[in-house]
PDB file of N, CA and C in Angstrom:
ATOM      1  N   UNK A   1     126.549  97.313 132.393  1.00  0.00           N
ATOM      2  CA  UNK A   1     126.697  98.083 131.172  1.00  0.00           C
ATOM      3  C   UNK A   1     125.806  97.532 130.056  1.00  0.00           C
ATOM      4  N   UNK A   2     125.764  96.199 129.953  1.00  0.00           N
ATOM      5  CA  UNK A   2     124.942  95.573 128.925  1.00  0.00           C
ATOM      6  C   UNK A   2     123.472  95.928 129.143  1.00  0.00           C
ATOM      7  N   UNK A   3     123.039  95.931 130.380  1.00  0.00           N
ATOM      8  CA  UNK A   3     121.660  96.284 130.723  1.00  0.00           C
ATOM      9  C   UNK A   3     121.368  97.736 130.313  1.00  0.00           C
ATOM     10  N   UNK A   4     122.333  98.627 130.535  1.00  0.00           N
ATOM     11  CA  UNK A   4     122.173 100.034 130.162  1.00  0.00           C
ATOM     12  C   UNK A   4     121.999 100.179 128.651  1.00  0.00           C
ATOM     13  N   UNK A   5     122.798  99.483 127.870  1.00  0.00           N
ATOM     14  CA  UNK A   5     122.730  99.555 126.405  1.00  0.00           C
ATOM     15  C   UNK A   5     121.380  99.036 125.910  1.00  0.00           C
ATOM     16  N   UNK A   6     120.901  97.954 126.487  1.00  0.00           N
ATOM     17  CA  UNK A   6     119.606  97.398 126.091  1.00  0.00           C
ATOM     18  C   UNK A   6     118.491  98.386 126.413  1.00  0.00           C
ATOM     19  N   UNK A   7     118.522  98.959 127.602  1.00  0.00           N
ATOM     20  CA  UNK A   7     117.499  99.934 127.994  1.00  0.00           C
ATOM     21  C   UNK A   7     117.549 101.173 127.108  1.00  0.00           C
ATOM     22  N   UNK A   8     118.740 101.650 126.821  1.00  0.00           N
ATOM     23  CA  UNK A   8     118.887 102.822 125.967  1.00  0.00           C
ATOM     24  C   UNK A   8     118.378 102.524 124.554  1.00  0.00           C
ATOM     25  N   UNK A   9     118.709 101.366 124.029  1.00  0.00           N
ATOM     26  CA  UNK A   9     118.233 100.977 122.692  1.00  0.00           C
ATOM     27  C   UNK A   9     116.715 100.894 122.655  1.00  0.00           C
ATOM     28  N   UNK A  10     116.129 100.317 123.675  1.00  0.00           N
ATOM     29  CA  UNK A  10     114.678 100.204 123.753  1.00  0.00           C
ATOM     30  C   UNK A  10     114.037 101.582 123.840  1.00  0.00           C
ATOM     31  N   UNK A  11     114.615 102.466 124.627  1.00  0.00           N
ATOM     32  CA  UNK A  11     114.091 103.822 124.768  1.00  0.00           C
ATOM     33  C   UNK A  11     114.150 104.573 123.434  1.00  0.00           C
ATOM     34  N   UNK A  12     115.249 104.451 122.730  1.00  0.00           N
ATOM     35  CA  UNK A  12     115.386 105.115 121.433  1.00  0.00           C
ATOM     36  C   UNK A  12     114.371 104.550 120.445  1.00  0.00           C
ATOM     37  N   UNK A  13     114.205 103.235 120.441  1.00  0.00           N
ATOM     38  CA  UNK A  13     113.237 102.611 119.539  1.00  0.00           C
ATOM     39  C   UNK A  13     111.824 103.101 119.822  1.00  0.00           C
ATOM     40  N   UNK A  14     111.469 103.193 121.097  1.00  0.00           N
ATOM     41  CA  UNK A  14     110.117 103.619 121.468  1.00  0.00           C
ATOM     42  C   UNK A  14     109.895 105.095 121.159  1.00  0.00           C
ATOM     43  N   UNK A  15     110.941 105.891 121.203  1.00  0.00           N
ATOM     44  CA  UNK A  15     110.800 107.324 120.960  1.00  0.00           C
ATOM     45  C   UNK A  15     110.823 107.671 119.469  1.00  0.00           C
ATOM     46  N   UNK A  16     111.265 106.748 118.650  1.00  0.00           N
ATOM     47  CA  UNK A  16     111.365 107.000 117.215  1.00  0.00           C
ATOM     48  C   UNK A  16     110.018 106.762 116.551  1.00  0.00           C
ATOM     49  N   UNK A  17     109.516 107.766 115.851  1.00  0.00           N
ATOM     50  CA  UNK A  17     108.252 107.535 115.141  1.00  0.00           C
ATOM     51  C   UNK A  17     108.478 106.542 114.004  1.00  0.00           C
ATOM     52  N   UNK A  18     107.635 105.550 113.952  1.00  0.00           N
ATOM     53  CA  UNK A  18     107.808 104.544 112.915  1.00  0.00           C
ATOM     54  C   UNK A  18     106.535 104.382 112.091  1.00  0.00           C
ATOM     55  N   UNK A  19     105.938 105.518 111.770  1.00  0.00           N
ATOM     56  CA  UNK A  19     104.746 105.459 110.936  1.00  0.00           C
ATOM     57  C   UNK A  19     105.151 105.094 109.514  1.00  0.00           C
ATOM     58  N   UNK A  20     104.488 104.113 108.997  1.00  0.00           N
ATOM     59  CA  UNK A  20     104.724 103.689 107.629  1.00  0.00           C
ATOM     60  C   UNK A  20     103.612 104.275 106.785  1.00  0.00           C
ATOM     61  N   UNK A  21     103.990 105.056 105.808  1.00  0.00           N
ATOM     62  CA  UNK A  21     102.993 105.679 104.953  1.00  0.00           C
ATOM     63  C   UNK A  21     102.560 104.697 103.880  1.00  0.00           C
ATOM     64  N   UNK A  22     101.277 104.455 103.830  1.00  0.00           N
ATOM     65  CA  UNK A  22     100.747 103.564 102.808  1.00  0.00           C
ATOM     66  C   UNK A  22     100.696 104.276 101.465  1.00  0.00           C
ATOM     67  N   UNK A  23     100.556 105.591 101.505  1.00  0.00           N
ATOM     68  CA  UNK A  23     100.423 106.359 100.274  1.00  0.00           C
ATOM     69  C   UNK A  23     101.780 106.934  99.888  1.00  0.00           C
ATOM     70  N   UNK A  24     102.116 106.756  98.637  1.00  0.00           N
ATOM     71  CA  UNK A  24     103.337 107.313  98.079  1.00  0.00           C
ATOM     72  C   UNK A  24     102.910 108.280  96.974  1.00  0.00           C
ATOM     73  N   UNK A  25     103.675 109.307  96.735  1.00  0.00           N
ATOM     74  CA  UNK A  25     103.298 110.256  95.679  1.00  0.00           C
ATOM     75  C   UNK A  25     103.189 109.572  94.320  1.00  0.00           C
ATOM     76  N   UNK A  26     103.880 108.463  94.129  1.00  0.00           N
ATOM     77  CA  UNK A  26     103.779 107.694  92.884  1.00  0.00           C
ATOM     78  C   UNK A  26     102.354 107.175  92.686  1.00  0.00           C
ATOM     79  N   UNK A  27     101.642 106.906  93.785  1.00  0.00           N
ATOM     80  CA  UNK A  27     100.265 106.413  93.676  1.00  0.00           C
ATOM     81  C   UNK A  27      99.374 107.394  92.926  1.00  0.00           C
ATOM     82  N   UNK A  28      99.668 108.675  93.020  1.00  0.00           N
ATOM     83  CA  UNK A  28      98.844 109.685  92.354  1.00  0.00           C
ATOM     84  C   UNK A  28      99.001 109.661  90.827  1.00  0.00           C
ATOM     85  N   UNK A  29      99.989 108.932  90.329  1.00  0.00           N
ATOM     86  CA  UNK A  29     100.139 108.782  88.881  1.00  0.00           C
ATOM     87  C   UNK A  29      99.107 107.815  88.311  1.00  0.00           C
ATOM     88  N   UNK A  30      98.502 107.004  89.162  1.00  0.00           N
ATOM     89  CA  UNK A  30      97.397 106.106  88.810  1.00  0.00           C
ATOM     90  C   UNK A  30      97.718 105.188  87.639  1.00  0.00           C
ATOM     91  N   UNK A  31      98.870 104.577  87.678  1.00  0.00           N
ATOM     92  CA  UNK A  31      99.234 103.657  86.599  1.00  0.00           C
ATOM     93  C   UNK A  31      98.618 102.275  86.789  1.00  0.00           C
ATOM     94  N   UNK A  32      98.315 101.924  88.030  1.00  0.00           N
ATOM     95  CA  UNK A  32      97.766 100.597  88.310  1.00  0.00           C
ATOM     96  C   UNK A  32      96.593 100.688  89.277  1.00  0.00           C
ATOM     97  N   UNK A  33      95.829  99.617  89.302  1.00  0.00           N
ATOM     98  CA  UNK A  33      94.733  99.523  90.264  1.00  0.00           C
ATOM     99  C   UNK A  33      95.280  99.550  91.687  1.00  0.00           C
ATOM    100  N   UNK A  34      96.450  98.983  91.895  1.00  0.00           N
ATOM    101  CA  UNK A  34      97.065  99.007  93.231  1.00  0.00           C
ATOM    102  C   UNK A  34      97.305 100.448  93.671  1.00  0.00           C
ATOM    103  N   UNK A  35      97.724 101.318  92.756  1.00  0.00           N
ATOM    104  CA  UNK A  35      97.878 102.735  93.096  1.00  0.00           C
ATOM    105  C   UNK A  35      96.558 103.306  93.585  1.00  0.00           C
ATOM    106  N   UNK A  36      95.484 103.011  92.860  1.00  0.00           N
ATOM    107  CA  UNK A  36      94.163 103.505  93.251  1.00  0.00           C
ATOM    108  C   UNK A  36      93.760 102.958  94.612  1.00  0.00           C
ATOM    109  N   UNK A  37      93.980 101.682  94.851  1.00  0.00           N
ATOM    110  CA  UNK A  37      93.642 101.098  96.154  1.00  0.00           C
ATOM    111  C   UNK A  37      94.431 101.752  97.281  1.00  0.00           C
ATOM    112  N   UNK A  38      95.703 102.037  97.042  1.00  0.00           N
ATOM    113  CA  UNK A  38      96.500 102.710  98.072  1.00  0.00           C
ATOM    114  C   UNK A  38      95.887 104.059  98.441  1.00  0.00           C
ATOM    115  N   UNK A  39      95.395 104.784  97.447  1.00  0.00           N
ATOM    116  CA  UNK A  39      94.775 106.083  97.720  1.00  0.00           C
ATOM    117  C   UNK A  39      93.437 105.912  98.434  1.00  0.00           C
ATOM    118  N   UNK A  40      92.631 104.982  97.956  1.00  0.00           N
ATOM    119  CA  UNK A  40      91.289 104.787  98.520  1.00  0.00           C
ATOM    120  C   UNK A  40      91.322 104.250  99.948  1.00  0.00           C
ATOM    121  N   UNK A  41      92.393 103.576 100.318  1.00  0.00           N
ATOM    122  CA  UNK A  41      92.474 102.959 101.646  1.00  0.00           C
ATOM    123  C   UNK A  41      93.483 103.655 102.553  1.00  0.00           C
ATOM    124  N   UNK A  42      93.816 104.882 102.240  1.00  0.00           N
ATOM    125  CA  UNK A  42      94.784 105.623 103.060  1.00  0.00           C
ATOM    126  C   UNK A  42      94.293 105.725 104.501  1.00  0.00           C
ATOM    127  N   UNK A  43      95.219 105.640 105.406  1.00  0.00           N
ATOM    128  CA  UNK A  43      94.905 105.769 106.829  1.00  0.00           C
ATOM    129  C   UNK A  43      94.740 107.245 107.187  1.00  0.00           C
ATOM    130  N   UNK A  44      93.809 107.564 108.079  1.00  0.00           N
ATOM    131  CA  UNK A  44      93.662 108.958 108.518  1.00  0.00           C
ATOM    132  C   UNK A  44      94.950 109.536 109.112  1.00  0.00           C
ATOM    133  N   UNK A  45      95.851 108.677 109.563  1.00  0.00           N
ATOM    134  CA  UNK A  45      97.126 109.143 110.115  1.00  0.00           C
ATOM    135  C   UNK A  45      98.141 109.458 109.016  1.00  0.00           C
ATOM    136  N   UNK A  46      97.859 109.066 107.801  1.00  0.00           N
ATOM    137  CA  UNK A  46      98.777 109.293 106.685  1.00  0.00           C
ATOM    138  C   UNK A  46      98.852 110.784 106.373  1.00  0.00           C
ATOM    139  N   UNK A  47     100.039 111.269 106.101  1.00  0.00           N
ATOM    140  CA  UNK A  47     100.224 112.692 105.786  1.00  0.00           C
ATOM    141  C   UNK A  47      99.463 113.117 104.536  1.00  0.00           C
ATOM    142  N   UNK A  48      99.210 112.191 103.641  1.00  0.00           N
ATOM    143  CA  UNK A  48      98.516 112.496 102.391  1.00  0.00           C
ATOM    144  C   UNK A  48      97.070 111.997 102.395  1.00  0.00           C
ATOM    145  N   UNK A  49      96.521 111.767 103.568  1.00  0.00           N
ATOM    146  CA  UNK A  49      95.180 111.177 103.674  1.00  0.00           C
ATOM    147  C   UNK A  49      94.122 111.961 102.903  1.00  0.00           C
ATOM    148  N   UNK A  50      93.989 113.249 103.176  1.00  0.00           N
ATOM    149  CA  UNK A  50      92.932 114.049 102.539  1.00  0.00           C
ATOM    150  C   UNK A  50      93.101 114.048 101.024  1.00  0.00           C
ATOM    151  N   UNK A  51      94.319 114.251 100.570  1.00  0.00           N
ATOM    152  CA  UNK A  51      94.575 114.264  99.137  1.00  0.00           C
ATOM    153  C   UNK A  51      94.272 112.905  98.516  1.00  0.00           C
ATOM    154  N   UNK A  52      94.687 111.848  99.200  1.00  0.00           N
ATOM    155  CA  UNK A  52      94.503 110.494  98.674  1.00  0.00           C
ATOM    156  C   UNK A  52      93.030 110.131  98.541  1.00  0.00           C
ATOM    157  N   UNK A  53      92.269 110.342  99.596  1.00  0.00           N
ATOM    158  CA  UNK A  53      90.851 109.970  99.575  1.00  0.00           C
ATOM    159  C   UNK A  53      90.083 110.827  98.575  1.00  0.00           C
ATOM    160  N   UNK A  54      90.367 112.113  98.540  1.00  0.00           N
ATOM    161  CA  UNK A  54      89.685 112.977  97.573  1.00  0.00           C
ATOM    162  C   UNK A  54      90.047 112.605  96.137  1.00  0.00           C
ATOM    163  N   UNK A  55      91.295 112.253  95.908  1.00  0.00           N
ATOM    164  CA  UNK A  55      91.714 111.827  94.570  1.00  0.00           C
ATOM    165  C   UNK A  55      91.013 110.530  94.185  1.00  0.00           C
ATOM    166  N   UNK A  56      90.947 109.594  95.112  1.00  0.00           N
ATOM    167  CA  UNK A  56      90.255 108.320  94.883  1.00  0.00           C
ATOM    168  C   UNK A  56      88.815 108.564  94.463  1.00  0.00           C
ATOM    169  N   UNK A  57      88.094 109.328  95.262  1.00  0.00           N
ATOM    170  CA  UNK A  57      86.682 109.601  94.967  1.00  0.00           C
ATOM    171  C   UNK A  57      86.534 110.333  93.637  1.00  0.00           C
ATOM    172  N   UNK A  58      87.359 111.340  93.417  1.00  0.00           N
ATOM    173  CA  UNK A  58      87.279 112.105  92.179  1.00  0.00           C
ATOM    174  C   UNK A  58      87.557 111.254  90.953  1.00  0.00           C
ATOM    175  N   UNK A  59      88.534 110.377  91.053  1.00  0.00           N
ATOM    176  CA  UNK A  59      88.876 109.503  89.930  1.00  0.00           C
ATOM    177  C   UNK A  59      87.713 108.576  89.597  1.00  0.00           C
ATOM    178  N   UNK A  60      87.203 107.884  90.613  1.00  0.00           N
ATOM    179  CA  UNK A  60      86.125 106.917  90.381  1.00  0.00           C
ATOM    180  C   UNK A  60      84.857 107.592  89.871  1.00  0.00           C
ATOM    181  N   UNK A  61      84.505 108.708  90.455  1.00  0.00           N
ATOM    182  CA  UNK A  61      83.290 109.419  90.044  1.00  0.00           C
ATOM    183  C   UNK A  61      83.468 110.020  88.651  1.00  0.00           C
ATOM    184  N   UNK A  62      84.632 110.604  88.398  1.00  0.00           N
ATOM    185  CA  UNK A  62      84.887 111.196  87.088  1.00  0.00           C
ATOM    186  C   UNK A  62      84.816 110.173  85.963  1.00  0.00           C
ATOM    187  N   UNK A  63      85.401 109.007  86.186  1.00  0.00           N
ATOM    188  CA  UNK A  63      85.354 107.960  85.159  1.00  0.00           C
ATOM    189  C   UNK A  63      83.916 107.515  84.918  1.00  0.00           C
ATOM    190  N   UNK A  64      83.138 107.385  85.985  1.00  0.00           N
ATOM    191  CA  UNK A  64      81.741 106.966  85.824  1.00  0.00           C
ATOM    192  C   UNK A  64      80.919 108.048  85.121  1.00  0.00           C
ATOM    193  N   UNK A  65      81.139 109.303  85.461  1.00  0.00           N
ATOM    194  CA  UNK A  65      80.417 110.392  84.790  1.00  0.00           C
ATOM    195  C   UNK A  65      80.754 110.433  83.297  1.00  0.00           C
ATOM    196  N   UNK A  66      82.006 110.177  82.962  1.00  0.00           N
ATOM    197  CA  UNK A  66      82.382 110.127  81.546  1.00  0.00           C
ATOM    198  C   UNK A  66      81.624 108.996  80.848  1.00  0.00           C
ATOM    199  N   UNK A  67      81.549 107.850  81.502  1.00  0.00           N
ATOM    200  CA  UNK A  67      80.793 106.719  80.948  1.00  0.00           C
ATOM    201  C   UNK A  67      79.330 107.109  80.741  1.00  0.00           C
ATOM    202  N   UNK A  68      78.731 107.738  81.750  1.00  0.00           N
ATOM    203  CA  UNK A  68      77.325 108.150  81.633  1.00  0.00           C
ATOM    204  C   UNK A  68      77.121 109.107  80.461  1.00  0.00           C
ATOM    205  N   UNK A  69      78.018 110.053  80.296  1.00  0.00           N
ATOM    206  CA  UNK A  69      77.857 111.025  79.202  1.00  0.00           C
ATOM    207  C   UNK A  69      78.034 110.361  77.838  1.00  0.00           C
ATOM    208  N   UNK A  70      78.797 109.293  77.778  1.00  0.00           N
ATOM    209  CA  UNK A  70      79.007 108.598  76.505  1.00  0.00           C
ATOM    210  C   UNK A  70      77.788 107.779  76.085  1.00  0.00           C
ATOM    211  N   UNK A  71      76.844 107.587  76.979  1.00  0.00           N
ATOM    212  CA  UNK A  71      75.641 106.802  76.686  1.00  0.00           C
ATOM    213  C   UNK A  71      74.461 107.677  76.293  1.00  0.00           C
ATOM    214  N   UNK A  72      74.661 108.930  76.052  1.00  0.00           N
ATOM    215  CA  UNK A  72      73.560 109.862  75.786  1.00  0.00           C
ATOM    216  C   UNK A  72      73.016 109.788  74.360  1.00  0.00           C
ATOM    217  N   UNK A  73      73.760 109.243  73.441  1.00  0.00           N
ATOM    218  CA  UNK A  73      73.323 109.195  72.046  1.00  0.00           C
ATOM    219  C   UNK A  73      72.177 108.218  71.825  1.00  0.00           C
ATOM    220  N   UNK A  74      71.520 108.312  70.668  1.00  0.00           N
ATOM    221  CA  UNK A  74      70.360 107.467  70.389  1.00  0.00           C
ATOM    222  C   UNK A  74      70.707 105.979  70.243  1.00  0.00           C
ATOM    223  N   UNK A  75      71.930 105.664  69.871  1.00  0.00           N
ATOM    224  CA  UNK A  75      72.322 104.264  69.685  1.00  0.00           C
ATOM    225  C   UNK A  75      73.182 103.728  70.826  1.00  0.00           C
ATOM    226  N   UNK A  76      73.278 104.484  71.885  1.00  0.00           N
ATOM    227  CA  UNK A  76      74.135 104.088  73.004  1.00  0.00           C
ATOM    228  C   UNK A  76      73.561 102.860  73.704  1.00  0.00           C
ATOM    229  N   UNK A  77      74.453 101.979  74.096  1.00  0.00           N
ATOM    230  CA  UNK A  77      74.047 100.785  74.829  1.00  0.00           C
ATOM    231  C   UNK A  77      74.700 100.801  76.198  1.00  0.00           C
ATOM    232  N   UNK A  78      73.918 100.465  77.192  1.00  0.00           N
ATOM    233  CA  UNK A  78      74.436 100.429  78.558  1.00  0.00           C
ATOM    234  C   UNK A  78      75.109  99.094  78.835  1.00  0.00           C
ATOM    235  N   UNK A  79      76.191  99.159  79.555  1.00  0.00           N
ATOM    236  CA  UNK A  79      76.877  97.958  80.019  1.00  0.00           C
ATOM    237  C   UNK A  79      76.727  97.801  81.523  1.00  0.00           C
ATOM    238  N   UNK A  80      76.210  98.843  82.150  1.00  0.00           N
ATOM    239  CA  UNK A  80      76.032  98.849  83.601  1.00  0.00           C
ATOM    240  C   UNK A  80      74.596  99.264  83.879  1.00  0.00           C
ATOM    241  N   UNK A  81      73.878  98.452  84.633  1.00  0.00           N
ATOM    242  CA  UNK A  81      72.479  98.751  84.962  1.00  0.00           C
ATOM    243  C   UNK A  81      72.314  98.671  86.475  1.00  0.00           C
ATOM    244  N   UNK A  82      72.533  99.796  87.122  1.00  0.00           N
ATOM    245  CA  UNK A  82      72.467  99.835  88.582  1.00  0.00           C
ATOM    246  C   UNK A  82      71.011  99.787  89.009  1.00  0.00           C
ATOM    247  N   UNK A  83      70.712  98.825  89.861  1.00  0.00           N
ATOM    248  CA  UNK A  83      69.332  98.626  90.304  1.00  0.00           C
ATOM    249  C   UNK A  83      68.941  99.660  91.353  1.00  0.00           C
ATOM    250  N   UNK A  84      67.646  99.874  91.455  1.00  0.00           N
ATOM    251  CA  UNK A  84      67.089 100.777  92.467  1.00  0.00           C
ATOM    252  C   UNK A  84      66.819  99.979  93.736  1.00  0.00           C
ATOM    253  N   UNK A  85      66.975 100.542  94.882  1.00  0.00           N
ATOM    254  CA  UNK A  85      67.550 101.862  95.127  1.00  0.00           C
ATOM    255  C   UNK A  85      69.058 101.817  94.902  1.00  0.00           C
ATOM    256  N   UNK A  86      69.552 102.862  94.268  1.00  0.00           N
ATOM    257  CA  UNK A  86      70.979 102.930  93.984  1.00  0.00           C
ATOM    258  C   UNK A  86      71.749 103.123  95.290  1.00  0.00           C
ATOM    259  N   UNK A  87      72.886 102.441  95.421  1.00  0.00           N
ATOM    260  CA  UNK A  87      73.700 102.648  96.623  1.00  0.00           C
ATOM    261  C   UNK A  87      74.301 104.048  96.611  1.00  0.00           C
ATOM    262  N   UNK A  88      74.657 104.526  97.780  1.00  0.00           N
ATOM    263  CA  UNK A  88      75.288 105.842  97.872  1.00  0.00           C
ATOM    264  C   UNK A  88      76.673 105.796  97.231  1.00  0.00           C
ATOM    265  N   UNK A  89      77.194 106.955  96.945  1.00  0.00           N
ATOM    266  CA  UNK A  89      78.543 107.050  96.379  1.00  0.00           C
ATOM    267  C   UNK A  89      79.551 106.363  97.292  1.00  0.00           C
ATOM    268  N   UNK A  90      79.507 106.683  98.586  1.00  0.00           N
ATOM    269  CA  UNK A  90      80.469 106.094  99.518  1.00  0.00           C
ATOM    270  C   UNK A  90      80.311 104.582  99.621  1.00  0.00           C
ATOM    271  N   UNK A  91      79.065 104.097  99.621  1.00  0.00           N
ATOM    272  CA  UNK A  91      78.847 102.650  99.667  1.00  0.00           C
ATOM    273  C   UNK A  91      79.411 101.977  98.421  1.00  0.00           C
ATOM    274  N   UNK A  92      79.211 102.602  97.275  1.00  0.00           N
ATOM    275  CA  UNK A  92      79.718 102.034  96.024  1.00  0.00           C
ATOM    276  C   UNK A  92      81.241 101.996  96.029  1.00  0.00           C
ATOM    277  N   UNK A  93      81.868 103.050  96.508  1.00  0.00           N
ATOM    278  CA  UNK A  93      83.332 103.076  96.577  1.00  0.00           C
ATOM    279  C   UNK A  93      83.830 102.016  97.549  1.00  0.00           C
ATOM    280  N   UNK A  94      83.154 101.868  98.681  1.00  0.00           N
ATOM    281  CA  UNK A  94      83.526 100.814  99.636  1.00  0.00           C
ATOM    282  C   UNK A  94      83.390  99.427  99.005  1.00  0.00           C
ATOM    283  N   UNK A  95      82.327  99.231  98.234  1.00  0.00           N
ATOM    284  CA  UNK A  95      82.127  97.951  97.539  1.00  0.00           C
ATOM    285  C   UNK A  95      83.248  97.702  96.535  1.00  0.00           C
ATOM    286  N   UNK A  96      83.626  98.752  95.803  1.00  0.00           N
ATOM    287  CA  UNK A  96      84.712  98.618  94.832  1.00  0.00           C
ATOM    288  C   UNK A  96      86.017  98.238  95.528  1.00  0.00           C
ATOM    289  N   UNK A  97      86.334  98.919  96.621  1.00  0.00           N
ATOM    290  CA  UNK A  97      87.581  98.645  97.339  1.00  0.00           C
ATOM    291  C   UNK A  97      87.602  97.195  97.815  1.00  0.00           C
ATOM    292  N   UNK A  98      86.513  96.748  98.394  1.00  0.00           N
ATOM    293  CA  UNK A  98      86.436  95.363  98.880  1.00  0.00           C
ATOM    294  C   UNK A  98      86.607  94.383  97.720  1.00  0.00           C
ATOM    295  N   UNK A  99      85.928  94.644  96.613  1.00  0.00           N
ATOM    296  CA  UNK A  99      86.011  93.780  95.438  1.00  0.00           C
ATOM    297  C   UNK A  99      87.432  93.775  94.873  1.00  0.00           C
ATOM    298  N   UNK A 100      88.031  94.942  94.750  1.00  0.00           N
ATOM    299  CA  UNK A 100      89.379  95.041  94.175  1.00  0.00           C
ATOM    300  C   UNK A 100      90.414  94.351  95.061  1.00  0.00           C
ATOM    301  N   UNK A 101      90.268  94.473  96.368  1.00  0.00           N
ATOM    302  CA  UNK A 101      91.188  93.777  97.273  1.00  0.00           C
ATOM    303  C   UNK A 101      91.092  92.267  97.088  1.00  0.00           C
ATOM    304  N   UNK A 102      89.886  91.780  96.853  1.00  0.00           N
ATOM    305  CA  UNK A 102      89.663  90.340  96.684  1.00  0.00           C
ATOM    306  C   UNK A 102      90.087  89.840  95.304  1.00  0.00           C
ATOM    307  N   UNK A 103      90.297  90.733  94.369  1.00  0.00           N
ATOM    308  CA  UNK A 103      90.650  90.364  92.994  1.00  0.00           C
ATOM    309  C   UNK A 103      92.033  90.894  92.637  1.00  0.00           C
ATOM    310  N   UNK A 104      93.023  90.374  93.322  1.00  0.00           N
ATOM    311  CA  UNK A 104      94.396  90.857  93.169  1.00  0.00           C
ATOM    312  C   UNK A 104      94.949  90.657  91.761  1.00  0.00           C
ATOM    313  N   UNK A 105      94.336  89.789  90.995  1.00  0.00           N
ATOM    314  CA  UNK A 105      94.824  89.560  89.635  1.00  0.00           C
ATOM    315  C   UNK A 105      94.697  90.808  88.772  1.00  0.00           C
ATOM    316  N   UNK A 106      93.912  91.787  89.212  1.00  0.00           N
ATOM    317  CA  UNK A 106      93.735  93.026  88.452  1.00  0.00           C
ATOM    318  C   UNK A 106      94.573  94.191  88.987  1.00  0.00           C
ATOM    319  N   UNK A 107      95.359  93.968  90.014  1.00  0.00           N
ATOM    320  CA  UNK A 107      96.098  95.060  90.658  1.00  0.00           C
ATOM    321  C   UNK A 107      97.089  95.756  89.736  1.00  0.00           C
ATOM    322  N   UNK A 108      97.570  95.083  88.706  1.00  0.00           N
ATOM    323  CA  UNK A 108      98.525  95.717  87.792  1.00  0.00           C
ATOM    324  C   UNK A 108      97.865  96.280  86.541  1.00  0.00           C
ATOM    325  N   UNK A 109      96.550  96.195  86.469  1.00  0.00           N
ATOM    326  CA  UNK A 109      95.829  96.742  85.322  1.00  0.00           C
ATOM    327  C   UNK A 109      95.538  98.224  85.535  1.00  0.00           C
ATOM    328  N   UNK A 110      95.131  98.883  84.458  1.00  0.00           N
ATOM    329  CA  UNK A 110      94.732 100.285  84.577  1.00  0.00           C
ATOM    330  C   UNK A 110      93.533 100.389  85.515  1.00  0.00           C
ATOM    331  N   UNK A 111      93.526 101.377  86.390  1.00  0.00           N
ATOM    332  CA  UNK A 111      92.435 101.493  87.355  1.00  0.00           C
ATOM    333  C   UNK A 111      91.061 101.642  86.709  1.00  0.00           C
ATOM    334  N   UNK A 112      90.977 102.355  85.607  1.00  0.00           N
ATOM    335  CA  UNK A 112      89.676 102.557  84.972  1.00  0.00           C
ATOM    336  C   UNK A 112      89.128 101.228  84.451  1.00  0.00           C
ATOM    337  N   UNK A 113      90.003 100.357  83.951  1.00  0.00           N
ATOM    338  CA  UNK A 113      89.551  99.048  83.488  1.00  0.00           C
ATOM    339  C   UNK A 113      89.022  98.211  84.647  1.00  0.00           C
ATOM    340  N   UNK A 114      89.712  98.272  85.766  1.00  0.00           N
ATOM    341  CA  UNK A 114      89.268  97.517  86.936  1.00  0.00           C
ATOM    342  C   UNK A 114      87.968  98.080  87.480  1.00  0.00           C
ATOM    343  N   UNK A 115      87.840  99.395  87.485  1.00  0.00           N
ATOM    344  CA  UNK A 115      86.592 100.005  87.954  1.00  0.00           C
ATOM    345  C   UNK A 115      85.412  99.501  87.133  1.00  0.00           C
ATOM    346  N   UNK A 116      85.546  99.500  85.820  1.00  0.00           N
ATOM    347  CA  UNK A 116      84.415  99.091  84.986  1.00  0.00           C
ATOM    348  C   UNK A 116      84.208  97.585  84.976  1.00  0.00           C
ATOM    349  N   UNK A 117      85.235  96.827  85.205  1.00  0.00           N
ATOM    350  CA  UNK A 117      85.060  95.383  85.387  1.00  0.00           C
ATOM    351  C   UNK A 117      84.196  95.151  86.631  1.00  0.00           C
ATOM    352  N   UNK A 118      84.504  95.850  87.710  1.00  0.00           N
ATOM    353  CA  UNK A 118      83.704  95.757  88.942  1.00  0.00           C
ATOM    354  C   UNK A 118      82.256  96.152  88.679  1.00  0.00           C
ATOM    355  N   UNK A 119      82.061  97.300  88.039  1.00  0.00           N
ATOM    356  CA  UNK A 119      80.698  97.788  87.797  1.00  0.00           C
ATOM    357  C   UNK A 119      79.901  96.820  86.927  1.00  0.00           C
ATOM    358  N   UNK A 120      80.512  96.290  85.879  1.00  0.00           N
ATOM    359  CA  UNK A 120      79.795  95.382  84.975  1.00  0.00           C
ATOM    360  C   UNK A 120      79.513  94.030  85.624  1.00  0.00           C
ATOM    361  N   UNK A 121      80.397  93.583  86.512  1.00  0.00           N
ATOM    362  CA  UNK A 121      80.143  92.330  87.227  1.00  0.00           C
ATOM    363  C   UNK A 121      79.098  92.516  88.322  1.00  0.00           C
ATOM    364  N   UNK A 122      79.114  93.676  88.955  1.00  0.00           N
ATOM    365  CA  UNK A 122      78.197  93.928  90.068  1.00  0.00           C
ATOM    366  C   UNK A 122      76.798  94.267  89.579  1.00  0.00           C
ATOM    367  N   UNK A 123      76.699  95.053  88.515  1.00  0.00           N
ATOM    368  CA  UNK A 123      75.404  95.486  87.981  1.00  0.00           C
ATOM    369  C   UNK A 123      75.326  95.229  86.475  1.00  0.00           C
ATOM    370  N   UNK A 124      75.295  93.963  86.072  1.00  0.00           N
ATOM    371  CA  UNK A 124      75.195  93.689  84.638  1.00  0.00           C
ATOM    372  C   UNK A 124      73.807  94.062  84.118  1.00  0.00           C
ATOM    373  N   UNK A 125      73.764  94.383  82.855  1.00  0.00           N
ATOM    374  CA  UNK A 125      72.473  94.680  82.226  1.00  0.00           C
ATOM    375  C   UNK A 125      71.832  93.377  81.761  1.00  0.00           C
ATOM    376  N   UNK A 126      70.501  93.308  81.834  1.00  0.00           N
ATOM    377  CA  UNK A 126      69.818  92.105  81.336  1.00  0.00           C
ATOM    378  C   UNK A 126      70.042  91.958  79.833  1.00  0.00           C
ATOM    379  N   UNK A 127      70.116  90.728  79.397  1.00  0.00           N
ATOM    380  CA  UNK A 127      70.358  90.484  77.962  1.00  0.00           C
ATOM    381  C   UNK A 127      69.093  90.080  77.268  1.00  0.00           C
TER     382      UNK A 127
END
């Protein structure tokens, strides 16, 4: 009987889907850099994968485009000087994710602040 219970328990455990979702709908509120990382690193098996990755890319690109538009005036000063050849969008996002994972001290900060900290450290302008 004991053998039967063990086998039945094992069978039930193996038949139960135990996918852990890395992405939570709270991540889409983007209150912290950790939220952004959760979206950017979503697994393709995650139910929210497409939404998460697209949100990640849109957030990072949108913030950078806003920065670029703010530098259009005659007295604007650049804080980011990306060298040529410029990396692709996907390469830059991959670089950001790797950098942010390595800099956990920023995980509770606003994602936009962490994004620009990464950009300014990676591509500082000459002084």
